PDB file of N, CA and C in Angstrom:
ATOM      1  N   UNK A   1       9.085 232.259  37.477  1.00  0.00           N
ATOM      2  CA  UNK A   1      10.516 232.106  37.812  1.00  0.00           C
ATOM      3  C   UNK A   1      10.862 230.938  37.899  1.00  0.00           C
ATOM      4  N   UNK A   2      12.233 230.589  37.658  1.00  0.00           N
ATOM      5  CA  UNK A   2      12.797 229.159  38.266  1.00  0.00           C
ATOM      6  C   UNK A   2      13.237 229.055  39.703  1.00  0.00           C
ATOM      7  N   UNK A   3      12.621 227.690  40.560  1.00  0.00           N
ATOM      8  CA  UNK A   3      12.968 227.391  41.697  1.00  0.00           C
ATOM      9  C   UNK A   3      14.452 227.294  41.711  1.00  0.00           C
ATOM     10  N   UNK A   4      14.971 227.904  42.665  1.00  0.00           N
ATOM     11  CA  UNK A   4      16.673 227.970  43.057  1.00  0.00           C
ATOM     12  C   UNK A   4      16.987 226.444  43.720  1.00  0.00           C
ATOM     13  N   UNK A   5      18.125 225.420  43.098  1.00  0.00           N
ATOM     14  CA  UNK A   5      17.896 224.399  43.830  1.00  0.00           C
ATOM     15  C   UNK A   5      18.930 224.023  43.749  1.00  0.00           C
ATOM     16  N   UNK A   6      20.211 225.156  43.696  1.00  0.00           N
ATOM     17  CA  UNK A   6      21.370 225.267  43.906  1.00  0.00           C
ATOM     18  C   UNK A   6      21.680 225.082  45.694  1.00  0.00           C
ATOM     19  N   UNK A   7      22.566 224.144  45.769  1.00  0.00           N
ATOM     20  CA  UNK A   7      23.421 223.508  47.326  1.00  0.00           C
ATOM     21  C   UNK A   7      24.323 224.798  47.602  1.00  0.00           C
ATOM     22  N   UNK A   8      23.729 224.926  48.721  1.00  0.00           N
ATOM     23  CA  UNK A   8      24.730 226.399  49.720  1.00  0.00           C
ATOM     24  C   UNK A   8      25.867 225.893  49.518  1.00  0.00           C
ATOM     25  N   UNK A   9      27.018 226.965  49.616  1.00  0.00           N
ATOM     26  CA  UNK A   9      28.467 226.523  49.133  1.00  0.00           C
ATOM     27  C   UNK A   9      28.787 225.672  50.654  1.00  0.00           C
ATOM     28  N   UNK A  10      27.956 226.503  51.508  1.00  0.00           N
ATOM     29  CA  UNK A  10      29.156 225.511  52.779  1.00  0.00           C
ATOM     30  C   UNK A  10      28.255 224.406  53.317  1.00  0.00           C
ATOM     31  N   UNK A  11      27.523 223.495  52.398  1.00  0.00           N
ATOM     32  CA  UNK A  11      27.290 222.131  52.158  1.00  0.00           C
ATOM     33  C   UNK A  11      27.669 221.449  51.186  1.00  0.00           C
ATOM     34  N   UNK A  12      27.797 221.849  50.624  1.00  0.00           N
ATOM     35  CA  UNK A  12      28.181 221.533  49.012  1.00  0.00           C
ATOM     36  C   UNK A  12      29.694 220.493  49.060  1.00  0.00           C
ATOM     37  N   UNK A  13      28.958 219.198  48.679  1.00  0.00           N
ATOM     38  CA  UNK A  13      30.479 217.966  48.990  1.00  0.00           C
ATOM     39  C   UNK A  13      30.600 217.418  50.147  1.00  0.00           C
ATOM     40  N   UNK A  14      30.049 217.766  51.138  1.00  0.00           N
ATOM     41  CA  UNK A  14      30.130 217.426  53.018  1.00  0.00           C
ATOM     42  C   UNK A  14      29.347 216.612  53.125  1.00  0.00           C
ATOM     43  N   UNK A  15      29.693 215.565  53.472  1.00  0.00           N
ATOM     44  CA  UNK A  15      28.885 214.751  54.492  1.00  0.00           C
ATOM     45  C   UNK A  15      27.954 215.123  55.131  1.00  0.00           C
ATOM     46  N   UNK A  16      26.556 214.572  55.712  1.00  0.00           N
ATOM     47  CA  UNK A  16      26.298 215.077  57.183  1.00  0.00           C
ATOM     48  C   UNK A  16      26.957 214.490  58.219  1.00  0.00           C
ATOM     49  N   UNK A  17      26.833 215.300  59.341  1.00  0.00           N
ATOM     50  CA  UNK A  17      27.607 215.281  60.107  1.00  0.00           C
ATOM     51  C   UNK A  17      26.991 213.919  61.114  1.00  0.00           C
ATOM     52  N   UNK A  18      27.217 212.672  61.782  1.00  0.00           N
ATOM     53  CA  UNK A  18      27.068 211.908  62.551  1.00  0.00           C
ATOM     54  C   UNK A  18      27.488 211.915  63.649  1.00  0.00           C
ATOM     55  N   UNK A  19      26.768 210.816  64.331  1.00  0.00           N
ATOM     56  CA  UNK A  19      26.863 211.063  65.827  1.00  0.00           C
ATOM     57  C   UNK A  19      28.399 210.401  66.017  1.00  0.00           C
ATOM     58  N   UNK A  20      29.307 210.624  67.117  1.00  0.00           N
ATOM     59  CA  UNK A  20      30.054 209.918  67.392  1.00  0.00           C
ATOM     60  C   UNK A  20      29.823 208.495  67.950  1.00  0.00           C
ATOM     61  N   UNK A  21      30.920 207.692  67.707  1.00  0.00           N
ATOM     62  CA  UNK A  21      30.575 206.189  68.170  1.00  0.00           C
ATOM     63  C   UNK A  21      31.591 205.577  68.451  1.00  0.00           C
ATOM     64  N   UNK A  22      31.824 204.927  70.104  1.00  0.00           N
ATOM     65  CA  UNK A  22      32.781 204.489  70.693  1.00  0.00           C
ATOM     66  C   UNK A  22      33.710 203.947  69.889  1.00  0.00           C
ATOM     67  N   UNK A  23      32.959 202.757  69.288  1.00  0.00           N
ATOM     68  CA  UNK A  23      33.811 201.778  68.609  1.00  0.00           C
ATOM     69  C   UNK A  23      34.724 202.232  67.611  1.00  0.00           C
ATOM     70  N   UNK A  24      34.123 202.868  66.609  1.00  0.00           N
ATOM     71  CA  UNK A  24      34.307 203.883  65.483  1.00  0.00           C
ATOM     72  C   UNK A  24      35.554 204.497  65.939  1.00  0.00           C
ATOM     73  N   UNK A  25      35.470 205.138  67.194  1.00  0.00           N
ATOM     74  CA  UNK A  25      36.534 205.985  67.830  1.00  0.00           C
ATOM     75  C   UNK A  25      37.952 205.668  68.168  1.00  0.00           C
ATOM     76  N   UNK A  26      37.696 204.026  68.787  1.00  0.00           N
ATOM     77  CA  UNK A  26      39.164 203.583  69.110  1.00  0.00           C
ATOM     78  C   UNK A  26      39.508 203.165  67.658  1.00  0.00           C
ATOM     79  N   UNK A  27      38.422 202.597  66.931  1.00  0.00           N
ATOM     80  CA  UNK A  27      39.458 201.811  65.880  1.00  0.00           C
ATOM     81  C   UNK A  27      39.963 203.045  64.974  1.00  0.00           C
ATOM     82  N   UNK A  28      39.517 204.500  64.884  1.00  0.00           N
ATOM     83  CA  UNK A  28      40.200 205.549  64.458  1.00  0.00           C
ATOM     84  C   UNK A  28      41.330 205.978  65.265  1.00  0.00           C
ATOM     85  N   UNK A  29      41.497 205.860  66.762  1.00  0.00           N
ATOM     86  CA  UNK A  29      42.460 205.857  67.546  1.00  0.00           C
ATOM     87  C   UNK A  29      43.903 204.889  67.183  1.00  0.00           C
ATOM     88  N   UNK A  30      43.291 203.517  66.907  1.00  0.00           N
ATOM     89  CA  UNK A  30      44.413 202.823  66.925  1.00  0.00           C
ATOM     90  C   UNK A  30      45.373 202.588  65.094  1.00  0.00           C
ATOM     91  N   UNK A  31      44.476 203.655  64.341  1.00  0.00           N
ATOM     92  CA  UNK A  31      44.967 203.273  63.097  1.00  0.00           C
ATOM     93  C   UNK A  31      45.654 204.930  63.214  1.00  0.00           C
ATOM     94  N   UNK A  32      45.051 205.662  63.973  1.00  0.00           N
ATOM     95  CA  UNK A  32      46.235 207.352  64.022  1.00  0.00           C
ATOM     96  C   UNK A  32      47.376 206.453  64.938  1.00  0.00           C
ATOM     97  N   UNK A  33      47.121 205.617  65.880  1.00  0.00           N
ATOM     98  CA  UNK A  33      48.668 205.554  66.456  1.00  0.00           C
ATOM     99  C   UNK A  33      49.510 204.919  65.400  1.00  0.00           C
ATOM    100  N   UNK A  34      49.061 203.687  64.584  1.00  0.00           N
ATOM    101  CA  UNK A  34      49.915 202.773  63.593  1.00  0.00           C
ATOM    102  C   UNK A  34      50.512 203.973  63.038  1.00  0.00           C
ATOM    103  N   UNK A  35      49.598 205.165  62.262  1.00  0.00           N
ATOM    104  CA  UNK A  35      50.247 206.336  61.267  1.00  0.00           C
ATOM    105  C   UNK A  35      51.524 207.081  62.513  1.00  0.00           C
ATOM    106  N   UNK A  36      51.601 207.062  63.569  1.00  0.00           N
ATOM    107  CA  UNK A  36      52.129 207.868  64.352  1.00  0.00           C
ATOM    108  C   UNK A  36      53.535 206.940  64.408  1.00  0.00           C
ATOM    109  N   UNK A  37      53.431 206.300  64.697  1.00  0.00           N
ATOM    110  CA  UNK A  37      54.961 205.304  64.903  1.00  0.00           C
ATOM    111  C   UNK A  37      55.544 204.802  63.864  1.00  0.00           C
ATOM    112  N   UNK A  38      54.663 205.123  62.512  1.00  0.00           N
ATOM    113  CA  UNK A  38      55.471 205.019  61.452  1.00  0.00           C
ATOM    114  C   UNK A  38      56.349 206.522  60.723  1.00  0.00           C
ATOM    115  N   UNK A  39      56.173 207.296  61.511  1.00  0.00           N
ATOM    116  CA  UNK A  39      56.062 208.816  60.820  1.00  0.00           C
ATOM    117  C   UNK A  39      57.786 208.974  61.034  1.00  0.00           C
ATOM    118  N   UNK A  40      58.554 209.534  60.349  1.00  0.00           N
ATOM    119  CA  UNK A  40      60.136 209.944  60.626  1.00  0.00           C
ATOM    120  C   UNK A  40      60.063 211.083  61.952  1.00  0.00           C
ATOM    121  N   UNK A  41      61.223 210.358  62.384  1.00  0.00           N
ATOM    122  CA  UNK A  41      61.527 211.328  63.597  1.00  0.00           C
ATOM    123  C   UNK A  41      62.955 212.494  63.575  1.00  0.00           C
ATOM    124  N   UNK A  42      63.266 213.466  64.273  1.00  0.00           N
ATOM    125  CA  UNK A  42      64.094 214.304  63.996  1.00  0.00           C
ATOM    126  C   UNK A  42      65.537 213.387  64.248  1.00  0.00           C
ATOM    127  N   UNK A  43      66.668 213.850  64.165  1.00  0.00           N
ATOM    128  CA  UNK A  43      67.395 212.989  64.535  1.00  0.00           C
ATOM    129  C   UNK A  43      67.867 212.829  66.090  1.00  0.00           C
ATOM    130  N   UNK A  44      67.443 213.663  66.737  1.00  0.00           N
ATOM    131  CA  UNK A  44      67.386 212.874  68.460  1.00  0.00           C
ATOM    132  C   UNK A  44      66.363 212.109  68.513  1.00  0.00           C
ATOM    133  N   UNK A  45      65.287 211.774  67.712  1.00  0.00           N
ATOM    134  CA  UNK A  45      64.281 210.974  68.089  1.00  0.00           C
ATOM    135  C   UNK A  45      63.206 211.328  68.739  1.00  0.00           C
ATOM    136  N   UNK A  46      63.440 213.071  68.356  1.00  0.00           N
ATOM    137  CA  UNK A  46      62.237 214.018  68.963  1.00  0.00           C
ATOM    138  C   UNK A  46      61.160 214.027  68.070  1.00  0.00           C
ATOM    139  N   UNK A  47      59.855 214.539  68.159  1.00  0.00           N
ATOM    140  CA  UNK A  47      58.873 214.226  67.373  1.00  0.00           C
ATOM    141  C   UNK A  47      59.107 215.932  66.553  1.00  0.00           C
ATOM    142  N   UNK A  48      58.498 215.807  65.827  1.00  0.00           N
ATOM    143  CA  UNK A  48      59.062 217.496  65.072  1.00  0.00           C
ATOM    144  C   UNK A  48      57.656 218.180  65.751  1.00  0.00           C
ATOM    145  N   UNK A  49      58.183 219.639  65.918  1.00  0.00           N
ATOM    146  CA  UNK A  49      57.554 220.366  66.700  1.00  0.00           C
ATOM    147  C   UNK A  49      55.740 220.651  65.726  1.00  0.00           C
ATOM    148  N   UNK A  50      56.067 220.792  64.938  1.00  0.00           N
ATOM    149  CA  UNK A  50      54.798 220.932  63.774  1.00  0.00           C
ATOM    150  C   UNK A  50      53.488 219.292  64.174  1.00  0.00           C
ATOM    151  N   UNK A  51      54.630 218.486  64.188  1.00  0.00           N
ATOM    152  CA  UNK A  51      53.152 217.011  64.333  1.00  0.00           C
ATOM    153  C   UNK A  51      52.739 217.083  65.806  1.00  0.00           C
ATOM    154  N   UNK A  52      53.707 217.504  66.827  1.00  0.00           N
ATOM    155  CA  UNK A  52      53.644 217.705  68.348  1.00  0.00           C
ATOM    156  C   UNK A  52      52.273 218.488  68.207  1.00  0.00           C
ATOM    157  N   UNK A  53      52.244 220.235  67.620  1.00  0.00           N
ATOM    158  CA  UNK A  53      51.340 220.732  67.880  1.00  0.00           C
ATOM    159  C   UNK A  53      50.228 220.096  67.047  1.00  0.00           C
ATOM    160  N   UNK A  54      50.075 219.470  66.082  1.00  0.00           N
ATOM    161  CA  UNK A  54      48.898 218.766  64.987  1.00  0.00           C
ATOM    162  C   UNK A  54      48.580 217.810  66.398  1.00  0.00           C
ATOM    163  N   UNK A  55      49.153 216.706  67.030  1.00  0.00           N
ATOM    164  CA  UNK A  55      48.329 215.678  67.911  1.00  0.00           C
ATOM    165  C   UNK A  55      48.045 216.570  69.348  1.00  0.00           C
ATOM    166  N   UNK A  56      48.564 217.421  69.631  1.00  0.00           N
ATOM    167  CA  UNK A  56      47.829 217.971  70.401  1.00  0.00           C
ATOM    168  C   UNK A  56      46.350 218.881  70.360  1.00  0.00           C
ATOM    169  N   UNK A  57      46.615 219.519  69.091  1.00  0.00           N
ATOM    170  CA  UNK A  57      45.276 219.895  68.789  1.00  0.00           C
ATOM    171  C   UNK A  57      44.099 218.513  68.226  1.00  0.00           C
ATOM    172  N   UNK A  58      44.331 217.613  68.050  1.00  0.00           N
ATOM    173  CA  UNK A  58      43.626 216.713  67.728  1.00  0.00           C
ATOM    174  C   UNK A  58      43.001 216.148  69.206  1.00  0.00           C
ATOM    175  N   UNK A  59      44.055 216.147  70.014  1.00  0.00           N
ATOM    176  CA  UNK A  59      43.583 215.380  71.162  1.00  0.00           C
ATOM    177  C   UNK A  59      42.611 216.151  71.775  1.00  0.00           C
ATOM    178  N   UNK A  60      42.802 217.793  72.010  1.00  0.00           N
ATOM    179  CA  UNK A  60      41.836 218.387  72.348  1.00  0.00           C
ATOM    180  C   UNK A  60      40.649 218.684  71.625  1.00  0.00           C
ATOM    181  N   UNK A  61      40.568 218.978  70.616  1.00  0.00           N
ATOM    182  CA  UNK A  61      38.995 218.475  69.913  1.00  0.00           C
ATOM    183  C   UNK A  61      38.529 216.992  70.365  1.00  0.00           C
ATOM    184  N   UNK A  62      39.018 215.672  70.473  1.00  0.00           N
ATOM    185  CA  UNK A  62      38.190 214.779  71.053  1.00  0.00           C
ATOM    186  C   UNK A  62      37.930 215.307  72.530  1.00  0.00           C
ATOM    187  N   UNK A  63      38.808 215.796  72.933  1.00  0.00           N
ATOM    188  CA  UNK A  63      38.427 215.717  74.709  1.00  0.00           C
ATOM    189  C   UNK A  63      37.118 217.156  74.855  1.00  0.00           C
ATOM    190  N   UNK A  64      37.359 218.056  74.144  1.00  0.00           N
ATOM    191  CA  UNK A  64      36.013 218.935  73.689  1.00  0.00           C
ATOM    192  C   UNK A  64      34.713 217.954  73.383  1.00  0.00           C
ATOM    193  N   UNK A  65      34.879 217.395  72.273  1.00  0.00           N
ATOM    194  CA  UNK A  65      34.012 216.332  71.434  1.00  0.00           C
ATOM    195  C   UNK A  65      33.173 215.574  72.997  1.00  0.00           C
ATOM    196  N   UNK A  66      34.130 215.364  73.409  1.00  0.00           N
ATOM    197  CA  UNK A  66      33.475 214.189  75.009  1.00  0.00           C
ATOM    198  C   UNK A  66      32.687 214.911  76.332  1.00  0.00           C
ATOM    199  N   UNK A  67      32.732 216.450  76.236  1.00  0.00           N
ATOM    200  CA  UNK A  67      32.343 217.065  77.013  1.00  0.00           C
ATOM    201  C   UNK A  67      30.677 217.796  76.197  1.00  0.00           C
ATOM    202  N   UNK A  68      30.857 217.026  74.948  1.00  0.00           N
ATOM    203  CA  UNK A  68      29.584 218.233  74.159  1.00  0.00           C
ATOM    204  C   UNK A  68      30.092 219.596  73.508  1.00  0.00           C
ATOM    205  N   UNK A  69      31.255 220.022  73.635  1.00  0.00           N
ATOM    206  CA  UNK A  69      31.704 221.193  72.999  1.00  0.00           C
ATOM    207  C   UNK A  69      31.181 222.625  73.645  1.00  0.00           C
ATOM    208  N   UNK A  70      30.897 222.051  74.881  1.00  0.00           N
ATOM    209  CA  UNK A  70      30.358 223.544  75.497  1.00  0.00           C
ATOM    210  C   UNK A  70      31.552 224.428  76.095  1.00  0.00           C
ATOM    211  N   UNK A  71      31.090 225.893  75.565  1.00  0.00           N
ATOM    212  CA  UNK A  71      31.975 226.403  75.620  1.00  0.00           C
ATOM    213  C   UNK A  71      32.337 226.704  77.005  1.00  0.00           C
ATOM    214  N   UNK A  72      33.580 227.557  77.061  1.00  0.00           N
ATOM    215  CA  UNK A  72      34.589 228.419  78.012  1.00  0.00           C
ATOM    216  C   UNK A  72      35.759 226.839  79.076  1.00  0.00           C
ATOM    217  N   UNK A  73      35.742 226.097  78.197  1.00  0.00           N
ATOM    218  CA  UNK A  73      36.901 225.058  78.874  1.00  0.00           C
ATOM    219  C   UNK A  73      38.193 224.323  78.172  1.00  0.00           C
ATOM    220  N   UNK A  74      38.183 225.688  76.903  1.00  0.00           N
ATOM    221  CA  UNK A  74      38.852 225.402  75.625  1.00  0.00           C
ATOM    222  C   UNK A  74      40.216 225.341  76.289  1.00  0.00           C
ATOM    223  N   UNK A  75      40.733 226.184  77.144  1.00  0.00           N
ATOM    224  CA  UNK A  75      42.026 226.000  77.834  1.00  0.00           C
ATOM    225  C   UNK A  75      42.696 224.930  78.449  1.00  0.00           C
ATOM    226  N   UNK A  76      41.563 224.392  79.694  1.00  0.00           N
ATOM    227  CA  UNK A  76      41.304 223.238  80.118  1.00  0.00           C
ATOM    228  C   UNK A  76      41.303 222.304  79.208  1.00  0.00           C
ATOM    229  N   UNK A  77      41.093 222.388  78.056  1.00  0.00           N
ATOM    230  CA  UNK A  77      40.878 220.826  77.184  1.00  0.00           C
ATOM    231  C   UNK A  77      42.470 220.987  76.598  1.00  0.00           C
ATOM    232  N   UNK A  78      43.027 221.812  75.861  1.00  0.00           N
ATOM    233  CA  UNK A  78      44.196 222.375  75.316  1.00  0.00           C
ATOM    234  C   UNK A  78      45.332 221.463  76.431  1.00  0.00           C
ATOM    235  N   UNK A  79      45.439 222.000  77.861  1.00  0.00           N
ATOM    236  CA  UNK A  79      46.156 221.723  78.982  1.00  0.00           C
ATOM    237  C   UNK A  79      46.554 220.268  78.666  1.00  0.00           C
ATOM    238  N   UNK A  80      44.620 219.299  78.869  1.00  0.00           N
ATOM    239  CA  UNK A  80      44.980 217.942  79.141  1.00  0.00           C
ATOM    240  C   UNK A  80      45.679 217.343  78.075  1.00  0.00           C
ATOM    241  N   UNK A  81      45.291 217.788  76.709  1.00  0.00           N
ATOM    242  CA  UNK A  81      45.547 217.471  75.869  1.00  0.00           C
ATOM    243  C   UNK A  81      47.194 217.538  75.584  1.00  0.00           C
ATOM    244  N   UNK A  82      47.610 218.696  76.101  1.00  0.00           N
ATOM    245  CA  UNK A  82      49.189 218.369  76.026  1.00  0.00           C
ATOM    246  C   UNK A  82      49.888 217.703  76.889  1.00  0.00           C
ATOM    247  N   UNK A  83      49.083 217.919  78.231  1.00  0.00           N
ATOM    248  CA  UNK A  83      49.753 216.395  78.803  1.00  0.00           C
ATOM    249  C   UNK A  83      49.649 215.099  78.515  1.00  0.00           C
ATOM    250  N   UNK A  84      48.519 214.387  78.139  1.00  0.00           N
ATOM    251  CA  UNK A  84      48.288 213.405  77.075  1.00  0.00           C
ATOM    252  C   UNK A  84      49.381 212.846  76.677  1.00  0.00           C
ATOM    253  N   UNK A  85      49.065 214.114  75.510  1.00  0.00           N
ATOM    254  CA  UNK A  85      50.501 213.735  74.322  1.00  0.00           C
ATOM    255  C   UNK A  85      52.334 213.494  74.692  1.00  0.00           C
ATOM    256  N   UNK A  86      52.074 214.638  76.120  1.00  0.00           N
ATOM    257  CA  UNK A  86      53.688 214.613  76.284  1.00  0.00           C
ATOM    258  C   UNK A  86      53.639 213.292  77.392  1.00  0.00           C
ATOM    259  N   UNK A  87      52.938 212.581  78.172  1.00  0.00           N
ATOM    260  CA  UNK A  87      52.618 211.081  78.500  1.00  0.00           C
ATOM    261  C   UNK A  87      52.966 210.203  77.668  1.00  0.00           C
ATOM    262  N   UNK A  88      51.989 210.342  76.355  1.00  0.00           N
ATOM    263  CA  UNK A  88      51.972 208.886  74.994  1.00  0.00           C
ATOM    264  C   UNK A  88      53.783 209.409  74.749  1.00  0.00           C
ATOM    265  N   UNK A  89      54.195 210.690  74.812  1.00  0.00           N
ATOM    266  CA  UNK A  89      55.953 210.805  73.765  1.00  0.00           C
ATOM    267  C   UNK A  89      56.877 209.815  74.957  1.00  0.00           C
ATOM    268  N   UNK A  90      56.462 210.540  76.081  1.00  0.00           N
ATOM    269  CA  UNK A  90      57.326 209.723  77.226  1.00  0.00           C
ATOM    270  C   UNK A  90      57.714 207.959  77.089  1.00  0.00           C
ATOM    271  N   UNK A  91      56.209 207.434  77.105  1.00  0.00           N
ATOM    272  CA  UNK A  91      55.944 206.392  77.260  1.00  0.00           C
ATOM    273  C   UNK A  91      56.762 205.467  75.784  1.00  0.00           C
ATOM    274  N   UNK A  92      56.402 206.182  74.589  1.00  0.00           N
ATOM    275  CA  UNK A  92      56.940 205.563  72.969  1.00  0.00           C
ATOM    276  C   UNK A  92      58.264 205.553  73.219  1.00  0.00           C
ATOM    277  N   UNK A  93      59.205 206.821  73.825  1.00  0.00           N
ATOM    278  CA  UNK A  93      60.521 206.797  74.473  1.00  0.00           C
ATOM    279  C   UNK A  93      61.147 205.707  74.899  1.00  0.00           C
ATOM    280  N   UNK A  94      60.785 204.971  76.048  1.00  0.00           N
ATOM    281  CA  UNK A  94      60.898 203.768  76.749  1.00  0.00           C
ATOM    282  C   UNK A  94      60.717 202.447  76.121  1.00  0.00           C
TER     283      UNK A  94
END
């Protein structure tokens, strides 16, 4: 019988997970900030709600990553991320 050498669908085409490196994280954050500044805004100067939601989700992910993705603090992560994005948006408008 031939040996099954097929790659599982869950890992096919995906790179191996890597450990987070602070310097890479900062570089990624700087690149993301540049992209955000270049994004179109609504007529009133406000960010589109979908983009705001996306930024909060990304920030919550990074907060959870910093604490090792331990379960049970998802709401706190989201609320902290929401506060950070709101502060960032207020600072960007000044």
